[in-house]
Protein backbone atom coordinates (compact mmCIF):
# COMPACT_ATOMS: atom_id res chain seq x y z
CA UNK A 1 -7.55 15.11 21.03
CA UNK A 2 -4.53 13.84 23.04
CA UNK A 3 -1.16 15.88 22.66
CA UNK A 4 2.28 14.67 23.55
CA UNK A 5 5.77 15.57 23.19
CA UNK A 6 9.06 13.83 22.68
CA UNK A 7 12.61 14.84 21.51
CA UNK A 8 12.37 12.69 18.34
CA UNK A 9 9.38 11.07 16.60
CA UNK A 10 10.31 8.27 14.11
CA UNK A 11 7.66 7.32 11.55
CA UNK A 12 7.94 3.58 10.61
CA UNK A 13 9.46 0.71 12.70
CA UNK A 14 11.24 -0.99 9.55
CA UNK A 15 14.64 -1.21 8.19
CA UNK A 16 15.79 2.32 8.98
CA UNK A 17 13.31 3.12 11.84
CA UNK A 18 14.56 0.22 14.17
CA UNK A 19 18.21 1.40 13.82
CA UNK A 20 17.28 4.94 14.55
CA UNK A 21 15.41 3.94 17.64
CA UNK A 22 18.04 1.86 18.99
CA UNK A 23 20.85 4.49 18.41
CA UNK A 24 18.84 7.54 19.52
CA UNK A 25 17.63 6.14 22.46
CA UNK A 26 21.04 5.03 23.80
CA UNK A 27 21.08 8.71 25.38
CA UNK A 28 18.86 8.12 28.46
CA UNK A 29 18.14 11.77 28.66
CA UNK A 30 16.62 11.64 25.14
CA UNK A 31 12.88 10.73 24.70
CA UNK A 32 12.05 8.70 21.55
CA UNK A 33 8.57 7.62 20.01
CA UNK A 34 8.23 5.23 17.29
CA UNK A 35 4.88 4.99 15.28
CA UNK A 36 4.19 1.86 13.32
CA UNK A 37 1.03 0.91 11.49
CA UNK A 38 1.82 -2.72 11.53
CA UNK A 39 1.77 -5.18 14.50
CA UNK A 40 4.10 -7.86 16.09
CA UNK A 41 6.54 -9.86 14.36
CA UNK A 42 6.62 -12.59 16.72
CA UNK A 43 4.89 -15.04 14.16
CA UNK A 44 6.93 -18.26 13.42
CA UNK A 45 6.33 -17.58 9.65
CA UNK A 46 8.39 -14.32 9.82
CA UNK A 47 11.00 -15.65 12.18
CA UNK A 48 11.49 -18.92 10.37
CA UNK A 49 13.92 -18.12 7.15
CA UNK A 50 12.52 -21.01 5.02
CA UNK A 51 8.80 -19.58 5.27
CA UNK A 52 9.79 -16.20 3.91
CA UNK A 53 7.31 -16.42 1.19
CA UNK A 54 4.47 -16.56 3.67
CA UNK A 55 4.59 -13.17 5.13
CA UNK A 56 5.72 -11.67 1.75
CA UNK A 57 2.32 -12.63 0.56
CA UNK A 58 0.18 -12.01 3.62
CA UNK A 59 -1.97 -9.03 3.82
CA UNK A 60 -1.52 -8.73 7.48
CA UNK A 61 2.38 -8.27 7.17
CA UNK A 62 2.55 -6.78 3.57
CA UNK A 63 1.23 -3.49 2.28
CA UNK A 64 0.46 -5.31 -1.29
CA UNK A 65 1.39 -2.22 -3.18
CA UNK A 66 1.23 -2.94 -7.11
CA UNK A 67 2.52 -0.92 -9.97
CA UNK A 68 0.40 0.77 -12.75
CA UNK A 69 -0.22 -1.56 -15.57
CA UNK A 70 3.06 -1.75 -17.27
CA UNK A 71 2.86 -1.20 -21.13
CA UNK A 72 5.75 -3.46 -22.02
CA UNK A 73 4.50 -6.45 -19.94
CA UNK A 74 1.04 -6.66 -21.54
CA UNK A 75 -0.51 -4.30 -19.06
CA UNK A 76 0.25 -6.38 -16.13
CA UNK A 77 0.52 -5.06 -12.59
CA UNK A 78 3.81 -6.02 -10.83
CA UNK A 79 3.52 -6.99 -7.00
CA UNK A 80 5.68 -4.70 -5.03
CA UNK A 81 5.67 -6.03 -1.31
CA UNK A 82 6.42 -3.64 1.66
CA UNK A 83 6.59 -4.66 5.04
CA UNK A 84 3.71 -3.57 7.42
CA UNK A 85 4.96 -5.04 10.80
CA UNK A 86 7.72 -4.31 13.18
CA UNK A 87 10.81 -4.73 11.27
CA UNK A 88 9.18 -3.55 8.20
CA UNK A 89 10.42 -5.06 4.94
CA UNK A 90 13.54 -6.62 6.79
CA UNK A 91 10.68 -8.86 8.41
CA UNK A 92 9.12 -10.16 5.23
CA UNK A 93 11.92 -10.10 2.63
CA UNK A 94 13.94 -12.91 1.23
CA UNK A 95 16.86 -12.54 3.84
CA UNK A 96 19.43 -11.77 1.22
CA UNK A 97 22.32 -9.65 2.29
CA UNK A 98 24.13 -7.67 -0.38
CA UNK A 99 25.37 -4.24 -0.57
CA UNK A 100 25.02 -1.83 -3.33
CA UNK A 101 28.00 -1.93 -5.80
CA UNK A 102 30.79 0.26 -4.73
CA UNK A 103 30.67 2.42 -8.11
CA UNK A 104 27.00 3.17 -7.37
CA UNK A 105 27.94 5.00 -4.16
CA UNK A 106 30.70 6.72 -5.98
CA UNK A 107 28.45 7.89 -8.60
CA UNK A 108 26.02 9.20 -6.02
CA UNK A 109 29.08 11.26 -4.68
CA UNK A 110 29.98 12.37 -8.16
CA UNK A 111 26.49 13.69 -8.64
CA UNK A 112 26.68 15.93 -5.44
CA UNK A 113 25.88 13.43 -2.56
CA UNK A 114 28.87 14.43 -0.60
CA UNK A 115 30.08 11.97 1.95
CA UNK A 116 28.25 8.94 0.27
CA UNK A 117 31.07 7.44 -1.70
CA UNK A 118 31.90 3.97 -0.95
CA UNK A 119 34.90 4.76 1.13
CA UNK A 120 32.52 6.79 3.31
CA UNK A 121 29.61 3.99 3.66
CA UNK A 122 32.12 1.01 4.11
CA UNK A 123 32.71 1.67 7.79
CA UNK A 124 29.18 1.75 8.71
CA UNK A 125 28.42 -1.49 6.72
CA UNK A 126 31.28 -2.82 8.87
CA UNK A 127 29.95 -1.41 12.00
CA UNK A 128 26.58 -2.75 11.44
CA UNK A 129 27.47 -6.32 10.63
CA UNK A 130 28.26 -9.59 12.55
CA UNK A 131 29.55 -11.81 9.59
CA UNK A 132 29.81 -15.42 10.99
CA UNK A 133 33.07 -15.97 8.94
CA UNK A 134 34.77 -13.28 10.58
CA UNK A 135 35.60 -9.45 9.78
CA UNK A 136 38.40 -8.26 7.40
CA UNK A 137 38.82 -5.12 5.34
CA UNK A 138 35.26 -5.37 3.95
CA UNK A 139 33.14 -7.27 6.57
CA UNK A 140 32.35 -6.41 10.26
CA UNK A 141 32.40 -8.94 13.00
CA UNK A 142 31.07 -7.20 16.07
CA UNK A 143 27.83 -5.36 15.00
CA UNK A 144 24.26 -6.46 15.67
CA UNK A 145 23.18 -7.51 12.29
CA UNK A 146 24.12 -11.16 11.99
CA UNK A 147 24.98 -12.39 8.41
CA UNK A 148 25.82 -15.79 7.33
CA UNK A 149 26.51 -17.63 4.06
CA UNK A 150 24.01 -20.49 4.97
CA UNK A 151 25.22 -23.68 5.76
CA UNK A 152 28.81 -23.15 4.68
CA UNK A 153 28.24 -24.67 1.28
CA UNK A 154 27.74 -28.13 2.72
CA UNK A 155 25.63 -29.38 0.01
CA UNK A 156 27.81 -30.56 -2.91
CA UNK A 157 25.33 -29.28 -5.43
CA UNK A 158 26.15 -25.64 -4.40
CA UNK A 159 29.70 -25.99 -5.26
CA UNK A 160 28.92 -27.44 -8.51
CA UNK A 161 26.66 -24.83 -9.53
CA UNK A 162 29.66 -22.15 -8.76
CA UNK A 163 31.98 -24.45 -10.47
CA UNK A 164 29.57 -24.58 -13.62
CA UNK A 165 29.35 -20.75 -14.01
CA UNK A 166 33.03 -20.74 -13.94
CA UNK A 167 33.39 -23.41 -16.64
CA UNK A 168 30.86 -21.31 -18.68
CA UNK A 169 33.25 -18.55 -18.59
CA UNK A 170 32.08 -16.46 -15.63
CA UNK A 171 34.14 -15.17 -12.94
CA UNK A 172 33.81 -16.51 -9.37
CA UNK A 173 34.11 -14.42 -6.03
CA UNK A 174 34.79 -15.57 -2.62
CA UNK A 175 32.65 -12.63 -1.32
CA UNK A 176 29.95 -10.76 -3.02
CA UNK A 177 29.98 -8.22 -0.40
CA UNK A 178 33.93 -7.95 -0.22
CA UNK A 179 36.46 -6.81 -2.85
CA UNK A 180 34.95 -8.54 -5.91
CA UNK A 181 31.28 -8.01 -6.03
CA UNK A 182 30.58 -9.63 -9.24
CA UNK A 183 30.60 -13.22 -9.99
CA UNK A 184 29.40 -16.71 -9.14
CA UNK A 185 29.64 -17.50 -5.35
CA UNK A 186 27.64 -18.08 -2.02
CA UNK A 187 24.59 -15.96 -1.11
CA UNK A 188 24.72 -14.18 2.14
CA UNK A 189 21.69 -13.79 4.40
CA UNK A 190 20.64 -11.98 7.48
CA UNK A 191 20.19 -15.06 9.80
CA UNK A 192 21.30 -15.75 13.35
CA UNK A 193 21.10 -19.20 14.87
CA UNK A 194 18.60 -20.07 12.26
CA UNK A 195 16.31 -17.29 12.86
CA UNK A 196 15.69 -14.26 10.80
CA UNK A 197 17.91 -11.46 11.85
CA UNK A 198 15.58 -8.28 10.96
CA UNK A 199 16.20 -5.02 12.27
CA UNK A 200 13.61 -5.53 14.76
CA UNK A 201 15.50 -8.29 16.06
CA UNK A 202 18.88 -6.85 15.74
CA UNK A 203 18.18 -3.17 16.76
CA UNK A 204 14.68 -2.64 18.17
CA UNK A 205 14.12 -5.46 20.61
CA UNK A 206 17.25 -5.06 22.58
CA UNK A 207 16.23 -1.42 23.08
CA UNK A 208 12.60 -2.01 24.02
CA UNK A 209 13.41 -2.16 27.78
CA UNK A 210 14.74 1.51 27.75
CA UNK A 211 12.35 3.65 29.64
CA UNK A 212 13.11 6.61 27.33
CA UNK A 213 11.90 4.55 24.06
CA UNK A 214 8.02 4.38 23.21
CA UNK A 215 6.94 2.14 20.41
CA UNK A 216 3.20 2.38 19.44
CA UNK A 217 1.88 -0.35 17.09
CA UNK A 218 -1.18 0.02 14.98
CA UNK A 219 -0.74 3.80 14.73
CA UNK A 220 -1.42 5.41 11.25
CA UNK A 221 0.56 8.62 10.76
CA UNK A 222 -1.72 11.06 8.86
CA UNK A 223 0.11 14.11 8.46
CA UNK A 224 3.25 15.94 9.50
CA UNK A 225 2.56 19.07 11.35
CA UNK A 226 4.42 22.03 9.99
CA UNK A 227 5.22 25.56 11.23
CA UNK A 228 6.31 27.32 8.19
CA UNK A 229 8.51 24.67 6.51
CA UNK A 230 9.76 23.40 9.67
CA UNK A 231 8.38 19.96 10.82
CA UNK A 232 7.35 20.25 14.43
CA UNK A 233 5.16 17.08 15.01
CA UNK A 234 2.81 14.61 13.58
CA UNK A 235 -0.88 13.63 13.52
CA UNK A 236 -1.69 10.10 13.92
CA UNK A 237 -4.58 7.75 14.36
CA UNK A 238 -4.68 5.05 17.16
CA UNK A 239 -7.45 2.87 18.59
CA UNK A 240 -10.15 4.98 17.03
CA UNK A 241 -8.74 8.43 18.18
CA UNK A 242 -6.51 11.13 16.49
CA UNK A 243 -3.52 12.29 18.39
CA UNK A 244 -0.98 15.11 17.90
CA UNK A 245 2.63 14.40 19.10
CA UNK A 246 5.11 17.25 18.96
CA UNK A 247 9.12 16.95 18.91
CA UNK A 248 11.69 19.04 20.67
CA UNK A 249 14.28 18.08 17.93
CA UNK A 250 13.33 16.24 14.91
CA UNK A 251 10.58 14.28 13.12
CA UNK A 252 12.31 11.34 11.22
CA UNK A 253 10.49 9.68 8.37
CA UNK A 254 11.50 6.19 7.88
CA UNK A 255 8.35 4.73 6.11
CA UNK A 256 10.09 3.22 3.13
CA UNK A 257 10.52 4.20 -0.45
CA UNK A 258 6.72 4.32 -0.99
CA UNK A 259 5.29 5.29 2.42
CA UNK A 260 7.81 8.15 3.00
CA UNK A 261 7.06 10.28 -0.22
CA UNK A 262 3.54 9.43 0.32
CA UNK A 263 3.29 11.00 3.63
CA UNK A 264 5.16 14.00 2.67
CA UNK A 265 2.72 14.57 -0.22
CA UNK A 266 -0.11 14.26 1.98
CA UNK A 267 1.41 16.82 4.13
CA UNK A 268 1.66 19.28 1.41
CA UNK A 269 5.57 18.57 0.59
CA UNK A 270 6.23 17.50 -2.84
CA UNK A 271 5.69 18.71 -6.57
CA UNK A 272 3.28 21.42 -6.59
CA UNK A 273 1.39 20.13 -9.71
CA UNK A 274 0.94 16.76 -8.09
CA UNK A 275 -0.40 18.22 -4.79
CA UNK A 276 -2.89 20.46 -6.41
CA UNK A 277 -4.24 17.68 -8.68
CA UNK A 278 -4.91 15.57 -5.58
CA UNK A 279 -6.51 18.50 -3.70
CA UNK A 280 -3.41 19.06 -1.23
CA UNK A 281 -2.41 22.48 -0.31
CA UNK A 282 1.14 23.31 -1.07
CA UNK A 283 3.28 23.93 1.90
CA UNK A 284 6.61 23.26 0.07
CA UNK A 285 6.96 22.90 -3.60
CA UNK A 286 9.79 20.11 -3.77
CA UNK A 287 9.72 18.29 -7.09
CA UNK A 288 11.95 15.42 -6.20
CA UNK A 289 9.41 13.90 -3.60
CA UNK A 290 7.99 10.73 -5.10
CA UNK A 291 10.30 10.58 -8.22
CA UNK A 292 12.87 8.17 -9.54
CA UNK A 293 11.94 5.17 -7.44
CA UNK A 294 13.94 2.31 -8.63
CA UNK A 295 13.68 -1.44 -7.73
CA UNK A 296 15.10 -4.64 -8.67
CA UNK A 297 13.25 -7.15 -10.53
CA UNK A 298 12.95 -10.86 -9.61
CA UNK A 299 12.75 -13.33 -12.36
CA UNK A 300 11.97 -16.92 -11.85
CA UNK A 301 13.56 -19.56 -14.24
CA UNK A 302 12.08 -22.99 -13.79
CA UNK A 303 13.18 -26.36 -15.37
CA UNK A 304 10.98 -29.23 -15.46
């Protein structure tokens, strides 16, 4: 069993992990390891925005999670795509760029999440973004994540659709990520020069040449190594071997809203009742792990 040591270990090279890898490796004196189970994102079906439905429905790039049978949907299981590739879900999603509503962030703060109000988060949204229409009080123009409103609404049907919404009594918005978030308007996308601007393209790839950053693909993280209640390393499988790797500073779990709690629970961190039912020894009884997942529904409406 091989053993290694880094300052930071990042589990998952998805939407969050790629950002962490870039930011932490900016310090040449800091060593960073990224472990990702998926592989390369170089496929044209990932990089071409109009082909997004292909990687989203391909086993190679998607974990293909499903819900439990939904009692109010006649027992159907609902598809829940999650990226299994460099860039994670930002490499297989529909490329829509839309921030959470300002009131949602303020609600988090009111419930005790200090520092997560909209006024706190907005500077970071702006820092990350390079909006092709230019920056203002709400939008950034110098960040690595390129955003666009498509083809500047050149197709007259786009404008007609927005105006139809207004004629039906709905409000319009010039920018759904700006001051007025509700209303009919242009949809913004994470695209740069006609190519998907995933976090792998925006953050990870520019950092790949740094000597202090190591990225291992096809690496399955099995467990967090704990000393008491402190994470000191991880155990992962790669090319038929089990490895133990330790950190000088932190283990950063960025495996998504499904993968992260799953890994925590496998490591004995989570609700004691759930862990014992699965035959896992309880290292830290933490009831919130694996609870309260909320996702947006996507509804297709077709007219023949």
